Amino acid sequence: MEPKKEGKKYRGSPWALTWADENYYLVAYDSEDGKVKHYRVDKMMKKTMIISR
């Protein structure tokens, strides 16, 4: 796998995990861009979730 965005970390608020076309996708809100994005889970190199209240 080749990192995108020069290896920059992606940050977002997770909303859902969904299944489509035989793949799992993470649906998350990106506050930096102000939009909802989706990411293919099997293409993620390192998955970390920080939960805050």
Protein backbone atom coordinates (compact mmCIF):
# COMPACT_ATOMS: atom_id res chain seq x y z
CA MET A 1 0.00 0.00 0.00
CA GLU A 2 1.14 3.50 -0.80
CA PRO A 3 0.21 6.24 1.74
CA LYS A 4 -1.86 9.15 0.46
CA LYS A 5 -1.39 12.82 1.38
CA GLU A 6 2.34 12.19 2.03
CA GLY A 7 1.46 9.95 4.98
CA LYS A 8 -0.54 12.65 6.80
CA LYS A 9 -2.94 11.29 9.41
CA TYR A 10 -6.64 11.47 8.71
CA ARG A 11 -8.89 12.70 11.51
CA GLY A 12 -12.66 12.53 11.75
CA SER A 13 -15.62 11.84 13.98
CA PRO A 14 -16.85 8.30 13.19
CA TRP A 15 -20.55 8.08 12.34
CA ALA A 16 -21.05 4.60 10.92
CA LEU A 17 -19.50 1.44 9.58
CA THR A 18 -21.16 0.25 6.40
CA TRP A 19 -20.86 -2.62 3.92
CA ALA A 20 -20.98 -1.99 0.16
CA ASP A 21 -19.60 -3.84 -2.87
CA GLU A 22 -18.11 -6.51 -0.57
CA ASN A 23 -16.07 -3.95 1.43
CA TYR A 24 -16.45 -2.24 4.79
CA TYR A 25 -16.37 1.58 4.85
CA LEU A 26 -15.98 3.96 7.76
CA VAL A 27 -18.25 7.00 7.43
CA ALA A 28 -16.84 9.95 9.36
CA TYR A 29 -17.21 13.72 9.62
CA ASP A 30 -14.04 15.67 8.77
CA SER A 31 -14.28 18.94 10.73
CA GLU A 32 -11.21 20.36 8.97
CA ASP A 33 -12.96 20.13 5.56
CA GLY A 34 -16.48 20.46 7.00
CA LYS A 35 -17.87 17.41 5.23
CA VAL A 36 -18.72 13.74 5.64
CA LYS A 37 -16.21 11.33 4.07
CA HIS A 38 -15.93 7.57 3.68
CA TYR A 39 -12.81 5.42 3.98
CA ARG A 40 -12.29 1.80 2.99
CA VAL A 41 -11.37 -0.07 6.17
CA ASP A 42 -9.20 -2.72 4.51
CA LYS A 43 -7.00 0.02 3.02
CA MET A 44 -6.29 1.66 6.39
CA MET A 45 -2.78 0.97 7.67
CA LYS A 46 -3.33 1.87 11.31
CA LYS A 47 -6.74 2.30 12.90
CA THR A 48 -7.07 4.30 16.11
CA MET A 49 -10.18 5.73 17.71
CA ILE A 50 -10.10 8.23 20.54
CA ILE A 51 -13.38 8.65 22.38
CA SER A 52 -13.94 11.84 24.33
CA ARG A 53 -16.94 13.11 26.22
